Amino acid sequence: MTDSDTRLQEAVGKALAAAERLPAPEFDTVWAAAGARAGIARKRGLLLIGSAAVAAVAAIAFVFHTPAGGEWRYVDRYQLLETTGWSAPSDSLLPDREFDIYQSVPVLIESTETYGGTLL
């Protein structure tokens, strides 16, 4: 055994001896402490449920409070659709090239042999 094992064994022995000297708590004390912990947990759960209910009511009130169709009052739909464009999110990750690989096909170099076809 090493020194740390010996010290650990001595510390565990002392702690066990100290624990055996203490009297066990009475049942009424333990029961009251458990009831208090259960009451705190119950109150915390009710508070969580109440908060969720208030948040749900607020969300529903916000949805129904929004005026229907009023958001297009100051925006011309045709102008909005003509001035906006779409591009793939991955386009910002790709480098700029001189030709669009999806729109133009590069010229394939033909073989020097008569019936050789194209070089790939």
Protein backbone atom coordinates (compact mmCIF):
# COMPACT_ATOMS: atom_id res chain seq x y z
CA MET A 1 0.00 0.00 0.00
CA THR A 2 1.10 3.53 -0.68
CA ASP A 3 1.05 6.46 1.72
CA SER A 4 -2.09 7.91 0.14
CA ASP A 5 -3.91 4.58 0.56
CA THR A 6 -2.91 4.44 4.22
CA ARG A 7 -4.06 8.04 4.82
CA LEU A 8 -7.36 7.34 3.04
CA GLN A 9 -7.97 4.23 5.14
CA GLU A 10 -7.28 6.15 8.36
CA ALA A 11 -9.57 9.04 7.30
CA VAL A 12 -12.40 6.64 6.47
CA GLY A 13 -11.94 4.85 9.79
CA LYS A 14 -12.10 8.14 11.73
CA ALA A 15 -15.17 9.32 9.83
CA LEU A 16 -16.95 6.00 10.44
CA ALA A 17 -16.16 6.12 14.16
CA ALA A 18 -17.41 9.71 14.40
CA ALA A 19 -20.62 8.82 12.56
CA GLU A 20 -21.35 5.90 14.87
CA ARG A 21 -21.02 8.12 17.95
CA LEU A 22 -23.73 10.53 16.75
CA PRO A 23 -27.28 9.55 17.72
CA ALA A 24 -29.76 8.88 14.91
CA PRO A 25 -32.26 11.70 14.40
CA GLU A 26 -35.78 11.12 15.61
CA PHE A 27 -38.47 10.10 13.18
CA ASP A 28 -40.54 13.25 13.68
CA THR A 29 -37.56 15.47 12.81
CA VAL A 30 -36.82 13.53 9.62
CA TRP A 31 -40.52 13.47 8.65
CA ALA A 32 -40.88 17.24 9.16
CA ALA A 33 -37.75 17.94 7.07
CA ALA A 34 -39.03 15.70 4.27
CA GLY A 35 -42.43 17.44 4.37
CA ALA A 36 -40.74 20.84 4.14
CA ARG A 37 -38.67 19.73 1.13
CA ALA A 38 -41.78 18.32 -0.56
CA GLY A 39 -43.66 21.58 0.07
CA ILE A 40 -40.86 23.61 -1.50
CA ALA A 41 -40.78 21.31 -4.54
CA ARG A 42 -44.59 21.54 -4.86
CA LYS A 43 -44.50 25.36 -4.69
CA ARG A 44 -41.72 25.46 -7.28
CA GLY A 45 -43.75 23.22 -9.62
CA LEU A 46 -46.88 25.35 -9.20
CA LEU A 47 -44.84 28.48 -9.90
CA LEU A 48 -43.45 26.90 -13.08
CA ILE A 49 -46.92 25.85 -14.26
CA GLY A 50 -48.32 29.30 -13.48
CA SER A 51 -45.49 31.01 -15.37
CA ALA A 52 -46.05 28.74 -18.39
CA ALA A 53 -49.79 29.50 -18.33
CA VAL A 54 -49.16 33.27 -18.18
CA ALA A 55 -46.68 33.00 -21.07
CA ALA A 56 -49.19 30.99 -23.14
CA VAL A 57 -51.97 33.52 -22.50
CA ALA A 58 -49.61 36.38 -23.43
CA ALA A 59 -48.59 34.63 -26.66
CA ILE A 60 -52.22 33.98 -27.62
CA ALA A 61 -53.16 37.59 -26.82
CA PHE A 62 -50.25 38.84 -28.93
CA VAL A 63 -51.29 36.68 -31.90
CA PHE A 64 -54.91 37.83 -31.76
CA HIS A 65 -53.97 41.46 -31.12
CA THR A 66 -51.97 41.72 -34.38
CA PRO A 67 -54.11 43.42 -37.04
CA ALA A 68 -54.89 41.17 -40.00
CA GLY A 69 -53.72 42.57 -43.32
CA GLY A 70 -52.41 45.78 -41.81
CA GLU A 71 -48.77 44.92 -42.32
CA TRP A 72 -49.01 45.44 -46.13
CA ARG A 73 -50.42 48.96 -45.79
CA TYR A 74 -47.03 50.69 -46.29
CA VAL A 75 -45.35 48.12 -48.56
CA ASP A 76 -46.01 47.74 -52.27
CA ARG A 77 -46.04 44.00 -52.92
CA TYR A 78 -44.98 44.28 -56.57
CA GLN A 79 -42.06 46.55 -55.71
CA LEU A 80 -40.99 44.25 -52.90
CA LEU A 81 -41.00 41.17 -55.14
CA GLU A 82 -39.12 42.93 -57.94
CA THR A 83 -36.36 44.37 -55.75
CA THR A 84 -35.52 41.30 -53.74
CA GLY A 85 -33.45 38.39 -54.94
CA TRP A 86 -32.63 34.95 -53.69
CA SER A 87 -29.33 33.15 -53.52
CA ALA A 88 -28.37 29.93 -51.82
CA PRO A 89 -26.88 30.34 -48.33
CA SER A 90 -23.87 28.31 -49.43
CA ASP A 91 -23.02 30.83 -52.17
CA SER A 92 -21.21 32.96 -49.61
CA LEU A 93 -18.91 30.02 -48.87
CA LEU A 94 -17.95 29.36 -52.50
CA PRO A 95 -15.20 31.37 -54.18
CA ASP A 96 -16.05 33.65 -57.12
CA ARG A 97 -15.26 32.06 -60.47
CA GLU A 98 -15.22 33.46 -63.96
CA PHE A 99 -17.90 31.15 -65.25
CA ASP A 100 -20.99 29.64 -63.70
CA ILE A 101 -20.43 25.92 -63.64
CA TYR A 102 -24.15 25.28 -63.43
CA GLN A 103 -25.05 27.40 -66.48
CA SER A 104 -22.13 26.94 -68.88
CA VAL A 105 -20.38 23.71 -69.82
CA PRO A 106 -16.65 23.93 -70.53
CA VAL A 107 -15.45 22.91 -74.00
CA LEU A 108 -14.13 19.37 -74.10
CA ILE A 109 -10.76 19.02 -75.84
CA GLU A 110 -10.92 16.48 -78.65
CA SER A 111 -8.41 13.70 -79.14
CA THR A 112 -5.71 13.98 -81.78
CA GLU A 113 -6.54 10.53 -83.01
CA THR A 114 -9.13 10.22 -85.77
CA TYR A 115 -11.66 8.11 -83.87
CA GLY A 116 -10.40 8.77 -80.36
CA GLY A 117 -13.31 10.87 -79.12
CA THR A 118 -12.89 13.54 -76.48
CA LEU A 119 -10.27 13.61 -73.77
CA LEU A 120 -11.77 13.43 -70.30
